[in-house]
Amino acid sequence: MPLYKKIDEPGYSIGVWKIEEELAFFEELFHGHPDIQHEHKRLQWFASRHLANVMLGQPDAIVNDDTGKPNFKTSLQNISISHTAGFAAVMLSTKSAVGIDIEAIHPKIERIAHKFMEADEIAAIAEEEKLKKMTLYWSAKESLFKLYGWGGIEFRTQLLIEPFTMHEWGGFKANIETPHLPLKGLTVHYQFIDGHVLSYVMGI
């Protein structure tokens, strides 16, 4: 289908693609195919690359650097990519590094929240908000991790989110605490769409 959602702001643009096509639709558009055996993962890979080309306005290969961060082969645009079973999301910027993530809201998040949230953060969440807010925390930290781009970071203690009131869309402040490249006062934006949460952040 065409773009499900497009966001254009000064300094960056975001596209969200709802994956409804069959795998064959995307395979015909690309000469090189990934070494991914799982069919659904292949579909997500193709959908995200197709979306990146649509947003760029021309085909371009995406290659990963030594840290695993994706980059266009020829375009100078910064890029971040995320995908789930239902959606692909891409963020582009000519001004700075970016990070984007899209996550399905699922009860399994409660079992792993202690791995990426402090105990007081978990305790502060109202019961009726748990699934959505825990998923938002996870998604936001994934976006921050992608923005940072160097790997080797501990989500619970080094990707820090300031307290915020959750709405259907909005933003909150966050910090990346590392000796290598600390980043303070970042704004993570988010919105809930079709049982998913989309989060994204641009470097300062």
C-alpha atoms as a PDB file:
ATOM      1  CA  MET A   1       0.000   0.000   0.000  1.00  0.00           C
ATOM      2  CA  PRO A   2       1.151   3.629  -0.235  1.00  0.00           C
ATOM      3  CA  LEU A   3       2.618   5.425   2.753  1.00  0.00           C
ATOM      4  CA  TYR A   4       0.494   4.841   5.844  1.00  0.00           C
ATOM      5  CA  LYS A   5       1.878   7.932   7.574  1.00  0.00           C
ATOM      6  CA  LYS A   6       4.267  10.716   6.605  1.00  0.00           C
ATOM      7  CA  ILE A   7       5.775  13.242   9.015  1.00  0.00           C
ATOM      8  CA  ASP A   8       7.806  16.185   7.713  1.00  0.00           C
ATOM      9  CA  GLU A   9       9.484  18.497  10.183  1.00  0.00           C
ATOM     10  CA  PRO A  10      12.408  20.921   9.914  1.00  0.00           C
ATOM     11  CA  GLY A  11      15.496  18.744   9.782  1.00  0.00           C
ATOM     12  CA  TYR A  12      13.884  15.326   9.356  1.00  0.00           C
ATOM     13  CA  SER A  13      11.182  13.260   7.687  1.00  0.00           C
ATOM     14  CA  ILE A  14       9.485  10.015   8.729  1.00  0.00           C
ATOM     15  CA  GLY A  15       7.575   7.428   6.772  1.00  0.00           C
ATOM     16  CA  VAL A  16       5.495   4.515   8.049  1.00  0.00           C
ATOM     17  CA  TRP A  17       4.468   1.707   5.695  1.00  0.00           C
ATOM     18  CA  LYS A  18       1.715  -0.764   6.565  1.00  0.00           C
ATOM     19  CA  ILE A  19       2.944  -4.120   5.280  1.00  0.00           C
ATOM     20  CA  GLU A  20       0.083  -5.709   3.352  1.00  0.00           C
ATOM     21  CA  GLU A  21       1.971  -6.892   0.250  1.00  0.00           C
ATOM     22  CA  GLU A  22       3.167 -10.406  -0.477  1.00  0.00           C
ATOM     23  CA  LEU A  23       6.891 -11.110  -0.434  1.00  0.00           C
ATOM     24  CA  ALA A  24       6.954 -11.467  -4.236  1.00  0.00           C
ATOM     25  CA  PHE A  25       5.883  -7.829  -4.648  1.00  0.00           C
ATOM     26  CA  PHE A  26       9.085  -6.586  -3.011  1.00  0.00           C
ATOM     27  CA  GLU A  27      11.413  -9.263  -4.405  1.00  0.00           C
ATOM     28  CA  GLU A  28      10.684  -8.049  -7.929  1.00  0.00           C
ATOM     29  CA  LEU A  29      11.850  -4.544  -6.988  1.00  0.00           C
ATOM     30  CA  PHE A  30      15.326  -5.536  -5.764  1.00  0.00           C
ATOM     31  CA  HIS A  31      18.265  -7.166  -7.536  1.00  0.00           C
ATOM     32  CA  GLY A  32      20.071  -8.177  -4.352  1.00  0.00           C
ATOM     33  CA  HIS A  33      18.258 -10.292  -1.775  1.00  0.00           C
ATOM     34  CA  PRO A  34      19.195 -10.701   1.901  1.00  0.00           C
ATOM     35  CA  ASP A  35      20.339 -13.990   3.402  1.00  0.00           C
ATOM     36  CA  ILE A  36      17.284 -14.207   5.651  1.00  0.00           C
ATOM     37  CA  GLN A  37      15.549 -17.582   5.796  1.00  0.00           C
ATOM     38  CA  HIS A  38      12.471 -16.596   7.804  1.00  0.00           C
ATOM     39  CA  GLU A  39       9.851 -15.435   5.282  1.00  0.00           C
ATOM     40  CA  HIS A  40       8.228 -12.845   7.554  1.00  0.00           C
ATOM     41  CA  LYS A  41      11.610 -11.345   8.438  1.00  0.00           C
ATOM     42  CA  ARG A  42      12.481 -11.164   4.732  1.00  0.00           C
ATOM     43  CA  LEU A  43       9.198  -9.381   4.088  1.00  0.00           C
ATOM     44  CA  GLN A  44       9.952  -6.814   6.798  1.00  0.00           C
ATOM     45  CA  TRP A  45      13.480  -6.297   5.462  1.00  0.00           C
ATOM     46  CA  PHE A  46      12.210  -5.637   1.938  1.00  0.00           C
ATOM     47  CA  ALA A  47       9.380  -3.381   3.103  1.00  0.00           C
ATOM     48  CA  SER A  48      11.739  -1.166   5.101  1.00  0.00           C
ATOM     49  CA  ARG A  49      14.206  -0.854   2.202  1.00  0.00           C
ATOM     50  CA  HIS A  50      11.418  -0.111  -0.246  1.00  0.00           C
ATOM     51  CA  LEU A  51      10.091   2.573   2.091  1.00  0.00           C
ATOM     52  CA  ALA A  52      13.572   4.107   2.335  1.00  0.00           C
ATOM     53  CA  ASN A  53      13.759   4.340  -1.471  1.00  0.00           C
ATOM     54  CA  VAL A  54      10.269   5.832  -1.671  1.00  0.00           C
ATOM     55  CA  MET A  55      11.219   8.502   0.851  1.00  0.00           C
ATOM     56  CA  LEU A  56      14.561   9.185  -0.812  1.00  0.00           C
ATOM     57  CA  GLY A  57      12.892   9.499  -4.199  1.00  0.00           C
ATOM     58  CA  GLN A  58      15.339   7.128  -5.881  1.00  0.00           C
ATOM     59  CA  PRO A  59      16.796   3.669  -5.308  1.00  0.00           C
ATOM     60  CA  ASP A  60      19.887   3.439  -3.127  1.00  0.00           C
ATOM     61  CA  ALA A  61      21.494   0.523  -1.342  1.00  0.00           C
ATOM     62  CA  ILE A  62      21.679   0.466   2.446  1.00  0.00           C
ATOM     63  CA  VAL A  63      24.830  -0.885   4.056  1.00  0.00           C
ATOM     64  CA  ASN A  64      25.709  -1.361   7.723  1.00  0.00           C
ATOM     65  CA  ASP A  65      28.864   0.113   9.203  1.00  0.00           C
ATOM     66  CA  ASP A  66      31.143  -1.680  11.681  1.00  0.00           C
ATOM     67  CA  THR A  67      28.712  -1.007  14.547  1.00  0.00           C
ATOM     68  CA  GLY A  68      25.698  -2.270  12.590  1.00  0.00           C
ATOM     69  CA  LYS A  69      24.272   1.195  11.947  1.00  0.00           C
ATOM     70  CA  PRO A  70      22.585   1.480   8.519  1.00  0.00           C
ATOM     71  CA  ASN A  71      23.762   4.040   5.987  1.00  0.00           C
ATOM     72  CA  PHE A  72      22.892   4.796   2.391  1.00  0.00           C
ATOM     73  CA  LYS A  73      25.609   3.741  -0.036  1.00  0.00           C
ATOM     74  CA  THR A  74      25.544   7.026  -1.975  1.00  0.00           C
ATOM     75  CA  SER A  75      23.077   9.467  -0.403  1.00  0.00           C
ATOM     76  CA  LEU A  76      24.366  11.679   2.416  1.00  0.00           C
ATOM     77  CA  GLN A  77      21.057  11.466   4.299  1.00  0.00           C
ATOM     78  CA  ASN A  78      21.226   9.969   7.781  1.00  0.00           C
ATOM     79  CA  ILE A  79      18.828   7.043   8.131  1.00  0.00           C
ATOM     80  CA  SER A  80      17.263   4.906  10.839  1.00  0.00           C
ATOM     81  CA  ILE A  81      15.057   1.868  10.210  1.00  0.00           C
ATOM     82  CA  SER A  82      12.577  -0.196  12.211  1.00  0.00           C
ATOM     83  CA  HIS A  83      10.020  -2.852  11.378  1.00  0.00           C
ATOM     84  CA  THR A  84       7.492  -5.220  12.923  1.00  0.00           C
ATOM     85  CA  ALA A  85       5.195  -7.853  11.466  1.00  0.00           C
ATOM     86  CA  GLY A  86       2.728  -5.124  10.510  1.00  0.00           C
ATOM     87  CA  PHE A  87       4.737  -1.962   9.837  1.00  0.00           C
ATOM     88  CA  ALA A  88       8.019  -0.597   8.542  1.00  0.00           C
ATOM     89  CA  ALA A  89       9.278   2.816   9.637  1.00  0.00           C
ATOM     90  CA  VAL A  90      12.111   4.971   8.296  1.00  0.00           C
ATOM     91  CA  MET A  91      13.530   8.295   9.487  1.00  0.00           C
ATOM     92  CA  LEU A  92      15.775  10.500   7.333  1.00  0.00           C
ATOM     93  CA  SER A  93      17.741  13.640   8.162  1.00  0.00           C
ATOM     94  CA  THR A  94      20.349  15.774   6.431  1.00  0.00           C
ATOM     95  CA  LYS A  95      21.235  17.530   9.684  1.00  0.00           C
ATOM     96  CA  SER A  96      22.079  14.911  12.297  1.00  0.00           C
ATOM     97  CA  ALA A  97      21.997  11.284  13.341  1.00  0.00           C
ATOM     98  CA  VAL A  98      18.487   9.935  14.014  1.00  0.00           C
ATOM     99  CA  GLY A  99      16.815   6.992  15.701  1.00  0.00           C
ATOM    100  CA  ILE A 100      13.392   5.467  15.086  1.00  0.00           C
ATOM    101  CA  ASP A 101      11.548   2.441  16.452  1.00  0.00           C
ATOM    102  CA  ILE A 102       8.116   0.902  16.081  1.00  0.00           C
ATOM    103  CA  GLU A 103       6.867  -1.765  18.487  1.00  0.00           C
ATOM    104  CA  ALA A 104       3.706  -3.827  18.782  1.00  0.00           C
ATOM    105  CA  ILE A 105       2.029  -3.528  22.181  1.00  0.00           C
ATOM    106  CA  HIS A 106       2.121  -7.031  23.694  1.00  0.00           C
ATOM    107  CA  PRO A 107       1.767  -8.419  27.250  1.00  0.00           C
ATOM    108  CA  LYS A 108       5.249 -10.015  27.089  1.00  0.00           C
ATOM    109  CA  ILE A 109       6.717  -6.564  27.778  1.00  0.00           C
ATOM    110  CA  GLU A 110       5.813  -6.904  31.472  1.00  0.00           C
ATOM    111  CA  ARG A 111       8.106  -9.938  31.825  1.00  0.00           C
ATOM    112  CA  ILE A 112      11.181  -8.122  30.562  1.00  0.00           C
ATOM    113  CA  ALA A 113      10.563  -4.548  31.760  1.00  0.00           C
ATOM    114  CA  HIS A 114      13.051  -4.959  34.633  1.00  0.00           C
ATOM    115  CA  LYS A 115      15.831  -5.374  32.072  1.00  0.00           C
ATOM    116  CA  PHE A 116      15.444  -1.857  30.673  1.00  0.00           C
ATOM    117  CA  MET A 117      13.589   0.088  33.403  1.00  0.00           C
ATOM    118  CA  GLU A 118      14.467   0.923  36.987  1.00  0.00           C
ATOM    119  CA  ALA A 119      12.201  -0.457  39.736  1.00  0.00           C
ATOM    120  CA  ASP A 120      10.914   3.013  40.659  1.00  0.00           C
ATOM    121  CA  GLU A 121       9.984   3.696  37.026  1.00  0.00           C
ATOM    122  CA  ILE A 122       7.970   0.485  36.865  1.00  0.00           C
ATOM    123  CA  ALA A 123       6.283   1.163  40.219  1.00  0.00           C
ATOM    124  CA  ALA A 124       5.227   4.644  39.079  1.00  0.00           C
ATOM    125  CA  ILE A 125       3.143   3.339  36.164  1.00  0.00           C
ATOM    126  CA  ALA A 126      -0.607   3.104  36.738  1.00  0.00           C
ATOM    127  CA  GLU A 127      -1.988  -0.410  36.254  1.00  0.00           C
ATOM    128  CA  GLU A 128      -4.196   0.610  33.326  1.00  0.00           C
ATOM    129  CA  GLU A 129      -1.202   2.147  31.505  1.00  0.00           C
ATOM    130  CA  LYS A 130       1.314  -0.640  32.026  1.00  0.00           C
ATOM    131  CA  LEU A 131       1.385  -2.306  28.627  1.00  0.00           C
ATOM    132  CA  LYS A 132       1.408   0.915  26.623  1.00  0.00           C
ATOM    133  CA  LYS A 133       3.847   2.811  28.793  1.00  0.00           C
ATOM    134  CA  MET A 134       6.305  -0.064  29.217  1.00  0.00           C
ATOM    135  CA  THR A 135       6.258  -0.571  25.454  1.00  0.00           C
ATOM    136  CA  LEU A 136       6.836   3.141  24.991  1.00  0.00           C
ATOM    137  CA  TYR A 137       9.844   3.031  27.326  1.00  0.00           C
ATOM    138  CA  TRP A 138      11.281   0.117  25.369  1.00  0.00           C
ATOM    139  CA  SER A 139      10.641   1.756  22.002  1.00  0.00           C
ATOM    140  CA  ALA A 140      12.094   5.085  23.143  1.00  0.00           C
ATOM    141  CA  LYS A 141      15.247   3.391  24.385  1.00  0.00           C
ATOM    142  CA  GLU A 142      15.583   1.508  21.107  1.00  0.00           C
ATOM    143  CA  SER A 143      15.377   4.857  19.293  1.00  0.00           C
ATOM    144  CA  LEU A 144      17.995   6.365  21.603  1.00  0.00           C
ATOM    145  CA  PHE A 145      20.246   3.331  21.087  1.00  0.00           C
ATOM    146  CA  LYS A 146      20.018   3.726  17.311  1.00  0.00           C
ATOM    147  CA  LEU A 147      20.725   7.453  17.542  1.00  0.00           C
ATOM    148  CA  TYR A 148      23.827   6.758  19.660  1.00  0.00           C
ATOM    149  CA  GLY A 149      25.023   4.230  17.114  1.00  0.00           C
ATOM    150  CA  TRP A 150      28.094   2.862  18.896  1.00  0.00           C
ATOM    151  CA  GLY A 151      26.593  -0.188  20.621  1.00  0.00           C
ATOM    152  CA  GLY A 152      27.801  -1.508  23.965  1.00  0.00           C
ATOM    153  CA  ILE A 153      25.273   0.421  26.022  1.00  0.00           C
ATOM    154  CA  GLU A 154      23.149  -0.674  28.989  1.00  0.00           C
ATOM    155  CA  PHE A 155      19.504   0.231  28.389  1.00  0.00           C
ATOM    156  CA  ARG A 156      18.452   0.388  32.040  1.00  0.00           C
ATOM    157  CA  THR A 157      21.243   2.583  33.401  1.00  0.00           C
ATOM    158  CA  GLN A 158      22.598   4.535  30.423  1.00  0.00           C
ATOM    159  CA  LEU A 159      19.483   5.376  28.419  1.00  0.00           C
ATOM    160  CA  LEU A 160      17.590   7.603  30.832  1.00  0.00           C
ATOM    161  CA  ILE A 161      14.067   8.940  30.383  1.00  0.00           C
ATOM    162  CA  GLU A 162      12.785  11.827  32.472  1.00  0.00           C
ATOM    163  CA  PRO A 163       9.348  11.372  34.125  1.00  0.00           C
ATOM    164  CA  PHE A 164       6.445  12.208  31.815  1.00  0.00           C
ATOM    165  CA  THR A 165       2.691  11.941  31.481  1.00  0.00           C
ATOM    166  CA  MET A 166       1.694   9.648  28.645  1.00  0.00           C
ATOM    167  CA  HIS A 167      -0.817  10.701  25.983  1.00  0.00           C
ATOM    168  CA  GLU A 168      -1.712   9.271  22.582  1.00  0.00           C
ATOM    169  CA  TRP A 169       1.097  11.354  21.145  1.00  0.00           C
ATOM    170  CA  GLY A 170       3.687  13.707  22.555  1.00  0.00           C
ATOM    171  CA  GLY A 171       7.305  13.907  23.629  1.00  0.00           C
ATOM    172  CA  PHE A 172       9.607  13.759  26.629  1.00  0.00           C
ATOM    173  CA  LYS A 173      13.224  14.439  27.528  1.00  0.00           C
ATOM    174  CA  ALA A 174      15.928  11.788  27.633  1.00  0.00           C
ATOM    175  CA  ASN A 175      19.670  11.503  28.166  1.00  0.00           C
ATOM    176  CA  ILE A 176      22.314   9.095  26.928  1.00  0.00           C
ATOM    177  CA  GLU A 177      24.888   8.632  29.685  1.00  0.00           C
ATOM    178  CA  THR A 178      28.168   7.363  28.271  1.00  0.00           C
ATOM    179  CA  PRO A 179      31.776   8.499  28.709  1.00  0.00           C
ATOM    180  CA  HIS A 180      32.317   8.105  24.972  1.00  0.00           C
ATOM    181  CA  LEU A 181      29.503  10.321  23.705  1.00  0.00           C
ATOM    182  CA  PRO A 182      27.078  11.653  26.336  1.00  0.00           C
ATOM    183  CA  LEU A 183      23.978  13.302  24.879  1.00  0.00           C
ATOM    184  CA  LYS A 184      21.810  15.459  27.136  1.00  0.00           C
ATOM    185  CA  GLY A 185      18.392  17.030  26.715  1.00  0.00           C
ATOM    186  CA  LEU A 186      17.234  14.915  23.778  1.00  0.00           C
ATOM    187  CA  THR A 187      13.536  14.986  22.905  1.00  0.00           C
ATOM    188  CA  VAL A 188      11.917  11.649  22.110  1.00  0.00           C
ATOM    189  CA  HIS A 189       8.658  12.026  20.170  1.00  0.00           C
ATOM    190  CA  TYR A 190       6.051   9.296  20.075  1.00  0.00           C
ATOM    191  CA  GLN A 191       2.569   8.367  18.907  1.00  0.00           C
ATOM    192  CA  PHE A 192       0.357   5.307  19.189  1.00  0.00           C
ATOM    193  CA  ILE A 193      -0.953   3.825  15.930  1.00  0.00           C
ATOM    194  CA  ASP A 194      -2.965   0.641  15.362  1.00  0.00           C
ATOM    195  CA  GLY A 195      -1.798  -1.265  18.429  1.00  0.00           C
ATOM    196  CA  HIS A 196       1.787  -0.073  18.020  1.00  0.00           C
ATOM    197  CA  VAL A 197       3.929   2.720  19.371  1.00  0.00           C
ATOM    198  CA  LEU A 198       6.185   4.751  17.116  1.00  0.00           C
ATOM    199  CA  SER A 199       9.048   6.661  18.716  1.00  0.00           C
ATOM    200  CA  TYR A 200      11.782   8.763  17.166  1.00  0.00           C
ATOM    201  CA  VAL A 201      14.594  11.112  18.135  1.00  0.00           C
ATOM    202  CA  MET A 202      17.006  13.439  16.364  1.00  0.00           C
ATOM    203  CA  GLY A 203      20.484  14.346  17.553  1.00  0.00           C
ATOM    204  CA  ILE A 204      21.246  17.791  18.902  1.00  0.00           C
END
